[in-house]
Structure formats: C-alpha cells, structure tokens
Amino acid sequence: MEEEVVRRRDPPNVICTLPGHSKSLIIVGAHFDHAELGAGAVDDWSGASLLPSLYQSIKETPRKHAFVFIGFTDEEKGLLGSEFYLEHFPKDRLALICAMVNLECLGVGPTAVWAKVADKRLLTALVNTTQSMHLNLRAVNVERVGNDDTQVFRDKRLPVITLHSLTQETWPILHSPRDNLAAIHLDELYESYRLVSTYLAFIDQFLD
C-alpha cells in the first residue's frame, strides 16, 4: 500500500499492488472524489468501495499478472489523479500495462460497458465472462455524459475498459443532490462485484 501525493491540499492517490508471477500489470481503478452536489455515492463511491473486496477476491489465487488497485484522486477536477499517476509511471514500463479496468458509477442498474472506447480483447473477455455466468451485458456508451480516468490511458494507447451501470434515465443522478446512498441498489452493486471479480480472474489467464 502506498500513497501518491498529487496536490498537497487534496487527498493522494491510494495504490495497492498485488504481485504476480510476471512483470505485466493489470490496473483496476476507481476515483474516490466527488462533485460538489450530492454525496458521491454513485459517482464514485460505488466503484472505489469495491477495490478492497476485489483485492481480497483474488489474493489467494496464484496470478500470472501483478494487479495494481488504485483509488484515484481529483477525477472531478479534470482527471488529475490518473494523469499524475501515468506522468510519473516509468516510461520503459508502460508496455507492461496489459489492461486498465475502470469502475465507474455502479449500483444504479445492471452492469454495463462503455463499448465504444473498450479495447476489443478486453471487451471479448468481458462478453465471455458474462456468458459463462449467464448474465446479460448491456453496451451503454456514455461519452455524452462525461469522461473518466481511462482517457489518460487511452491517450497512451493502452488497453482500457470501463464498467458502469448508467442509462439515459439514470445519468441525471450524477452531480446532483440525488447522488446519495439511496440511489444505490445493493443487489445490483453486489452483482457488479461478482462479475468484476470473475472477470479479473479470467483476464489474468486470458491476456498474454
């Protein structure tokens, strides 16, 4: 566990690394800051709160890749936390990042994927995972809603995928007083956890 100071007056990035047998990395991220309006339960406590449980779900199983779980700061201020992380990531190790799995705005409905920006291999692996679990996967593109921390990874041409639960009907919850714990359906959040934990175990074996 380590803290990465981004701006001294703000909380740091929180990084927890789970070693694997190789030097290749799978990054699992979510931001823990929130907009001024609302409590940020959906955006993005719902994603950040899953990171410790996901760590626990895979820590006892031998892993091919190292997993890096990151709670990013200052996403709402312009992706500052994720941008700082990659700016200070060793340039000669960027090619070791096999995937960045971003968890954003979960628990207001069934899990969906931002398919338009998803890496094709990561998307294929997600489809395979949902089929094996007999779950339905929705493709809901959210570029009109806003951006997320995958942008800085996409700028470096690194493979990304964002899992969320938004629809056209629920996205107005964000950045509003409606973004509170009452907006979270705990059964839907738990199903997202089950899917993501299975997905992480699968891509650990699926990716080179």
Protein backbone atom coordinates (compact mmCIF):
# COMPACT_ATOMS: atom_id res chain seq x y z
CA MET A 1 0.00 0.00 0.00
CA GLU A 2 1.33 3.44 -0.88
CA GLU A 3 0.11 6.99 -1.21
CA GLU A 4 0.99 9.18 -4.17
CA VAL A 5 0.66 12.89 -3.45
CA VAL A 6 -0.86 14.72 -6.41
CA ARG A 7 -1.73 18.11 -4.90
CA ARG A 8 -0.77 18.74 -1.29
CA ARG A 9 -4.14 20.23 -0.34
CA ASP A 10 -6.01 17.20 -1.75
CA PRO A 11 -6.05 13.52 -0.76
CA PRO A 12 -3.42 11.39 -2.55
CA ASN A 13 -3.84 8.53 -4.99
CA VAL A 14 -4.04 5.32 -2.97
CA ILE A 15 -2.23 2.41 -4.61
CA CYS A 16 -2.18 -1.24 -3.56
CA THR A 17 -0.14 -3.75 -5.55
CA LEU A 18 -0.71 -7.49 -5.56
CA PRO A 19 2.35 -9.18 -7.14
CA GLY A 20 2.08 -11.80 -9.86
CA HIS A 21 4.46 -14.26 -11.49
CA SER A 22 5.34 -11.85 -14.30
CA LYS A 23 6.08 -8.14 -14.52
CA SER A 24 2.94 -7.48 -16.58
CA LEU A 25 0.31 -5.31 -14.90
CA ILE A 26 -3.47 -5.19 -14.75
CA ILE A 27 -4.64 -1.89 -13.26
CA VAL A 28 -8.03 -1.72 -11.57
CA GLY A 29 -9.08 1.83 -10.84
CA ALA A 30 -11.88 3.99 -9.49
CA HIS A 31 -11.93 7.56 -8.27
CA PHE A 32 -12.89 8.43 -4.70
CA ASP A 33 -13.51 12.17 -5.02
CA HIS A 34 -16.96 13.51 -5.89
CA ALA A 35 -18.69 16.54 -7.31
CA GLU A 36 -19.85 19.38 -5.06
CA LEU A 37 -23.51 18.47 -5.40
CA GLY A 38 -24.57 15.18 -3.89
CA ALA A 39 -22.69 12.75 -1.66
CA GLY A 40 -20.92 10.90 -4.48
CA ALA A 41 -22.39 7.51 -3.56
CA VAL A 42 -22.89 6.63 -7.22
CA ASP A 43 -20.04 8.73 -8.63
CA ASP A 44 -17.86 7.10 -7.48
CA TRP A 45 -18.07 5.54 -4.04
CA SER A 46 -19.77 2.64 -5.82
CA GLY A 47 -16.59 1.87 -7.75
CA ALA A 48 -13.96 2.82 -5.17
CA SER A 49 -15.65 0.83 -2.39
CA LEU A 50 -15.25 -2.39 -4.41
CA LEU A 51 -11.46 -2.15 -4.71
CA PRO A 52 -10.60 -3.75 -1.31
CA SER A 53 -13.10 -6.56 -1.84
CA LEU A 54 -11.75 -7.25 -5.33
CA TYR A 55 -8.24 -7.41 -3.88
CA GLN A 56 -9.45 -9.95 -1.33
CA SER A 57 -11.24 -11.99 -4.01
CA ILE A 58 -8.07 -12.78 -5.97
CA LYS A 59 -5.24 -12.54 -3.43
CA GLU A 60 -5.22 -16.25 -2.51
CA THR A 61 -5.08 -17.49 -6.11
CA PRO A 62 -1.75 -17.72 -7.99
CA ARG A 63 -1.65 -14.93 -10.56
CA LYS A 64 0.14 -14.52 -13.86
CA HIS A 65 -0.07 -10.71 -13.76
CA ALA A 66 0.50 -8.23 -10.98
CA PHE A 67 -2.68 -6.35 -10.08
CA VAL A 68 -2.49 -2.68 -9.14
CA PHE A 69 -5.61 -1.36 -7.39
CA ILE A 70 -5.78 2.43 -7.47
CA GLY A 71 -8.14 4.86 -5.83
CA PHE A 72 -7.64 7.96 -7.95
CA THR A 73 -8.00 11.43 -6.53
CA ASP A 74 -9.29 14.52 -8.32
CA GLU A 75 -11.08 12.86 -11.23
CA GLU A 76 -13.78 15.50 -10.97
CA LYS A 77 -11.15 18.26 -11.24
CA GLY A 78 -10.01 17.09 -14.67
CA LEU A 79 -8.59 13.55 -14.25
CA LEU A 80 -5.70 14.99 -12.23
CA GLY A 81 -5.03 11.86 -10.18
CA SER A 82 -4.84 9.42 -13.08
CA GLU A 83 -2.90 11.91 -15.17
CA PHE A 84 -0.33 12.35 -12.40
CA TYR A 85 -0.04 8.59 -11.98
CA LEU A 86 0.79 7.98 -15.63
CA GLU A 87 3.05 11.03 -15.91
CA HIS A 88 5.19 9.57 -13.13
CA PHE A 89 4.96 5.97 -14.28
CA PRO A 90 8.32 4.77 -15.66
CA LYS A 91 8.23 5.22 -19.44
CA ASP A 92 10.12 1.98 -20.03
CA ARG A 93 7.41 0.05 -18.15
CA LEU A 94 4.33 1.42 -19.92
CA ALA A 95 4.27 -1.55 -22.28
CA LEU A 96 3.83 -3.82 -19.25
CA ILE A 97 0.30 -2.47 -18.67
CA CYS A 98 -1.95 -5.13 -20.20
CA ALA A 99 -5.24 -3.59 -19.09
CA MET A 100 -6.82 -0.72 -17.20
CA VAL A 101 -10.19 -1.78 -15.81
CA ASN A 102 -12.15 1.25 -14.62
CA LEU A 103 -15.12 1.03 -12.26
CA GLU A 104 -17.47 3.99 -12.51
CA CYS A 105 -20.99 4.69 -11.27
CA LEU A 106 -22.14 1.18 -10.38
CA GLY A 107 -25.21 0.03 -8.50
CA VAL A 108 -27.98 2.04 -10.15
CA GLY A 109 -28.78 -0.83 -12.52
CA PRO A 110 -27.27 -3.93 -14.12
CA THR A 111 -23.62 -3.74 -15.10
CA ALA A 112 -22.93 -2.14 -18.47
CA VAL A 113 -19.82 -1.48 -20.53
CA TRP A 114 -18.68 1.63 -22.37
CA ALA A 115 -18.17 -0.42 -25.51
CA LYS A 116 -17.16 2.41 -27.83
CA VAL A 117 -13.83 3.03 -26.07
CA ALA A 118 -13.21 -0.51 -24.81
CA ASP A 119 -10.22 -2.45 -26.04
CA LYS A 120 -11.51 -5.24 -28.28
CA ARG A 121 -9.72 -8.04 -26.45
CA LEU A 122 -10.89 -6.79 -23.07
CA LEU A 123 -14.44 -6.47 -24.40
CA THR A 124 -14.35 -10.00 -25.82
CA ALA A 125 -13.14 -11.30 -22.45
CA LEU A 126 -15.98 -9.47 -20.71
CA VAL A 127 -18.56 -10.98 -23.07
CA ASN A 128 -17.12 -14.45 -22.43
CA THR A 129 -17.25 -13.86 -18.68
CA THR A 130 -20.86 -12.69 -18.67
CA GLN A 131 -21.91 -15.61 -20.84
CA SER A 132 -20.21 -18.08 -18.51
CA MET A 133 -22.10 -16.51 -15.59
CA HIS A 134 -25.38 -16.47 -17.55
CA LEU A 135 -25.61 -12.69 -17.20
CA ASN A 136 -26.84 -10.16 -19.73
CA LEU A 137 -24.33 -7.49 -20.71
CA ARG A 138 -25.51 -4.09 -21.87
CA ALA A 139 -23.41 -1.83 -24.05
CA VAL A 140 -24.16 1.75 -22.97
CA ASN A 141 -21.86 4.41 -24.36
CA VAL A 142 -21.53 7.41 -22.06
CA GLU A 143 -19.33 9.89 -23.90
CA ARG A 144 -22.17 12.44 -23.81
CA VAL A 145 -22.29 12.16 -20.02
CA GLY A 146 -18.61 12.92 -19.44
CA ASN A 147 -15.12 11.48 -19.40
CA ASP A 148 -13.39 9.14 -16.99
CA ASP A 149 -9.93 8.09 -15.85
CA THR A 150 -9.43 5.78 -18.84
CA GLN A 151 -8.84 8.86 -21.00
CA VAL A 152 -5.24 9.33 -19.89
CA PHE A 153 -4.55 5.64 -20.54
CA ARG A 154 -6.23 5.85 -23.94
CA ASP A 155 -4.03 8.84 -24.76
CA LYS A 156 -1.05 6.50 -24.27
CA ARG A 157 -2.77 3.87 -26.45
CA LEU A 158 -3.07 1.46 -23.54
CA PRO A 159 -5.94 -1.08 -23.42
CA VAL A 160 -8.87 0.05 -21.27
CA ILE A 161 -12.39 -0.90 -20.35
CA THR A 162 -14.98 0.93 -18.21
CA LEU A 163 -17.74 -0.90 -16.37
CA HIS A 164 -20.66 1.20 -15.13
CA SER A 165 -24.43 0.96 -14.65
CA LEU A 166 -25.77 4.15 -16.19
CA THR A 167 -28.60 4.56 -18.67
CA GLN A 168 -30.14 7.62 -20.27
CA GLU A 169 -32.71 7.57 -17.47
CA THR A 170 -30.22 7.37 -14.59
CA TRP A 171 -27.30 9.54 -15.70
CA PRO A 172 -29.03 12.75 -14.41
CA ILE A 173 -28.38 11.41 -10.88
CA LEU A 174 -24.74 12.40 -11.30
CA HIS A 175 -23.58 15.76 -9.99
CA SER A 176 -26.94 16.33 -8.34
CA PRO A 177 -28.42 16.02 -4.82
CA ARG A 178 -29.86 12.67 -5.96
CA ASP A 179 -26.36 11.16 -5.87
CA ASN A 180 -26.67 9.67 -2.41
CA LEU A 181 -26.77 6.23 -0.84
CA ALA A 182 -30.49 5.87 -1.53
CA ALA A 183 -29.70 5.79 -5.27
CA ILE A 184 -27.63 2.61 -4.86
CA HIS A 185 -29.32 -0.76 -5.32
CA LEU A 186 -27.15 -3.01 -3.18
CA ASP A 187 -28.18 -6.15 -5.04
CA GLU A 188 -27.06 -4.59 -8.34
CA LEU A 189 -23.78 -3.45 -6.75
CA TYR A 190 -23.16 -6.96 -5.46
CA GLU A 191 -23.81 -8.42 -8.93
CA SER A 192 -21.27 -5.95 -10.34
CA TYR A 193 -18.77 -7.12 -7.73
CA ARG A 194 -19.36 -10.76 -8.66
CA LEU A 195 -18.91 -10.01 -12.34
CA VAL A 196 -15.78 -7.91 -11.92
CA SER A 197 -14.08 -10.38 -9.57
CA THR A 198 -14.72 -13.22 -12.04
CA TYR A 199 -13.62 -11.02 -14.93
CA LEU A 200 -10.31 -10.12 -13.26
CA ALA A 201 -9.52 -13.79 -12.66
CA PHE A 202 -10.38 -14.54 -16.29
CA ILE A 203 -8.29 -11.81 -17.91
CA ASP A 204 -5.36 -12.78 -15.72
CA GLN A 205 -5.29 -16.04 -17.70
CA PHE A 206 -6.69 -14.67 -20.98
CA LEU A 207 -4.15 -11.89 -21.56
CA ASP A 208 -0.57 -12.50 -22.60
